[in-house]
Protein backbone atom coordinates (compact mmCIF):
# COMPACT_ATOMS: atom_id res chain seq x y z
CA MET A 1 -0.17 0.04 0.09
CA SER A 2 2.66 2.53 0.86
CA ASN A 3 4.54 1.73 -2.54
CA PHE A 4 1.17 2.38 -4.12
CA LEU A 5 0.89 5.73 -2.26
CA ASN A 6 4.30 7.09 -2.89
CA GLY A 7 4.02 5.89 -6.14
CA ILE A 8 0.94 8.35 -6.86
CA SER A 9 2.46 11.14 -4.58
CA ASN A 10 5.93 11.05 -6.86
CA SER A 11 4.20 10.82 -10.00
CA ARG A 12 4.59 13.53 -12.90
CA LEU A 13 1.21 13.88 -13.02
CA SER A 14 1.29 15.86 -9.83
CA VAL A 15 1.37 18.90 -12.11
CA LEU A 16 -2.20 17.92 -12.40
CA SER A 17 -3.11 18.82 -8.90
CA GLU A 18 -1.50 22.47 -9.32
CA MET A 19 -3.33 23.13 -12.50
CA THR A 20 -6.55 21.97 -10.99
CA LEU A 21 -6.06 24.28 -8.19
CA ARG A 22 -5.32 27.06 -10.64
CA LEU A 23 -7.96 26.59 -12.54
CA VAL A 24 -10.61 26.33 -10.03
CA PHE A 25 -9.55 29.26 -8.23
CA ALA A 26 -9.41 31.19 -11.27
CA VAL A 27 -13.33 30.24 -12.14
CA LEU A 28 -14.25 31.10 -8.21
CA MET A 29 -12.43 34.35 -8.53
CA PHE A 30 -14.28 35.35 -12.11
CA SER A 31 -17.73 34.03 -10.68
CA HIS A 32 -17.29 36.42 -7.78
CA GLY A 33 -16.27 39.29 -9.25
CA GLU A 34 -18.58 38.61 -12.57
CA GLY A 35 -21.83 40.00 -11.21
CA LYS A 36 -20.25 43.17 -9.25
CA LEU A 37 -18.44 43.73 -12.84
CA LEU A 38 -21.46 43.24 -15.09
CA SER A 39 -23.60 45.74 -12.43
CA LEU A 40 -21.10 48.63 -12.73
CA ILE A 41 -21.18 48.03 -16.62
CA GLU A 42 -24.94 48.53 -16.56
CA GLU A 43 -24.49 51.32 -14.14
CA PRO A 44 -20.65 52.73 -14.37
CA ASN A 45 -21.52 55.91 -12.70
CA GLN A 46 -22.98 53.89 -9.47
CA PRO A 47 -20.74 52.37 -7.04
CA LEU A 48 -21.37 48.86 -5.84
CA GLY A 49 -23.76 48.68 -2.54
CA PHE A 50 -21.27 47.01 -0.36
CA ILE A 51 -18.48 49.45 -0.88
CA LEU A 52 -20.52 52.06 0.28
CA LYS A 53 -21.02 50.35 3.43
CA MET A 54 -17.16 49.93 4.12
CA SER A 55 -15.02 52.40 5.80
CA PHE A 56 -11.82 51.33 3.85
CA PHE A 57 -13.05 52.33 0.40
CA SER A 58 -15.43 55.41 1.95
CA ASP A 59 -13.32 58.21 -0.03
CA PHE A 60 -13.42 56.60 -3.36
CA PRO A 61 -16.21 54.29 -3.86
CA LEU A 62 -16.66 54.47 -7.65
CA VAL A 63 -12.98 53.95 -8.19
CA SER A 64 -12.61 51.33 -5.38
CA SER A 65 -16.16 49.51 -7.06
CA TRP A 66 -14.20 49.18 -10.36
CA VAL A 67 -10.86 48.30 -8.89
CA VAL A 68 -12.69 45.33 -6.80
CA ALA A 69 -14.81 44.36 -9.79
CA ILE A 70 -11.93 44.17 -12.35
CA SER A 71 -9.49 42.69 -9.97
CA GLU A 72 -11.91 39.49 -8.94
CA ALA A 73 -13.48 39.19 -12.76
CA ILE A 74 -10.39 39.69 -14.90
CA LEU A 75 -6.58 40.32 -13.16
CA ILE A 76 -6.60 37.77 -10.38
CA PRO A 77 -8.05 34.44 -12.79
CA ILE A 78 -5.99 35.41 -15.54
CA PHE A 79 -2.62 36.13 -13.43
CA ILE A 80 -3.12 32.84 -12.00
CA ILE A 81 -3.64 30.93 -15.25
CA ILE A 82 -0.68 32.74 -16.63
CA GLY A 83 1.66 31.77 -13.58
CA SER A 84 1.20 28.09 -14.92
CA PHE A 85 2.82 28.93 -18.13
CA ASN A 86 6.35 27.72 -17.35
CA PHE A 87 7.49 28.25 -20.86
CA ILE A 88 7.47 32.01 -20.33
CA GLY A 89 10.38 31.41 -17.57
CA GLU A 90 10.55 33.17 -14.64
CA ALA A 91 7.70 35.73 -15.52
CA SER A 92 5.10 32.84 -14.84
CA LYS A 93 6.27 32.97 -11.22
CA GLY A 94 5.67 36.74 -11.28
CA PHE A 95 2.39 36.72 -12.32
CA SER A 96 1.27 33.91 -10.08
CA THR A 97 2.78 36.02 -7.07
CA LEU A 98 0.81 39.00 -8.32
CA GLY A 99 -2.45 37.28 -8.43
CA GLY A 100 -1.83 36.05 -4.98
CA LEU A 101 -0.89 38.97 -3.82
CA LEU A 102 -4.07 41.19 -5.08
CA SER A 103 -6.24 38.00 -4.17
CA THR A 104 -4.79 38.00 -0.53
CA VAL A 105 -5.21 41.77 0.03
CA LEU A 106 -8.73 42.07 -1.45
CA MET A 107 -9.65 38.86 0.74
CA LEU A 108 -8.58 40.25 3.92
CA ILE A 109 -10.31 43.74 2.96
CA ILE A 110 -13.20 41.92 2.34
CA ILE A 111 -13.26 39.61 5.22
CA PHE A 112 -12.70 42.03 7.87
CA GLY A 113 -13.73 45.15 6.16
CA PHE A 114 -17.19 43.93 5.40
CA HIS A 115 -17.74 40.31 6.88
CA VAL A 116 -16.63 41.24 10.54
CA ASP A 117 -16.93 44.73 10.14
CA VAL A 118 -20.18 45.52 8.61
CA LEU A 119 -22.13 42.62 8.81
CA GLU A 120 -20.66 41.32 12.21
CA GLN A 121 -20.67 37.69 11.28
CA SER A 122 -18.58 35.39 12.85
CA TRP A 123 -15.79 33.04 10.77
CA THR A 124 -18.28 30.34 10.58
CA GLU A 125 -20.66 32.49 8.26
CA PHE A 126 -17.21 33.68 5.74
CA LYS A 127 -16.10 30.31 5.38
CA TYR A 128 -15.99 30.59 1.21
CA GLN A 129 -14.00 33.67 1.75
CA LEU A 130 -11.88 32.13 4.01
CA SER A 131 -11.04 29.43 1.60
CA LEU A 132 -10.31 32.00 -0.91
CA PHE A 133 -8.04 33.55 1.28
CA ALA A 134 -6.11 30.54 2.04
CA ILE A 135 -5.74 29.62 -1.51
CA SER A 136 -4.63 33.02 -2.12
CA ILE A 137 -1.66 32.48 0.18
CA TYR A 138 -0.64 29.31 -1.47
CA PHE A 139 -0.25 31.38 -5.03
CA LEU A 140 1.42 34.40 -3.12
CA PHE A 141 4.01 31.93 -1.87
CA LYS A 142 4.02 29.49 -4.59
């Protein structure tokens, strides 16, 4: 049994686990930001409602709305996917790290600035965001 498990964990197919994590994370981040981006496209001069409630974004709610939506729906997914392209050399790590950094910062702000501060939720109520945060940390340091 031990040889079987070692064979799996040392397999050249282990690249599939990271690629799967990258693809799923990119899709999750896209879906997390897609509605926000569509809302802003429909009403480009109207900040997102949850942004208006957050003191962190209170000085620039419209700009902050666009930055959050574009980061979640476009930038982070693209950076994380490009980070898997080893054929572009060291730049792939840079893209991956940048995607992880953007996502980590964004998730920290959303968790503490919205879920904890505005909604006054406990950690059991924002497990999805905590999962995205954990994956973000992985790509930040990968």
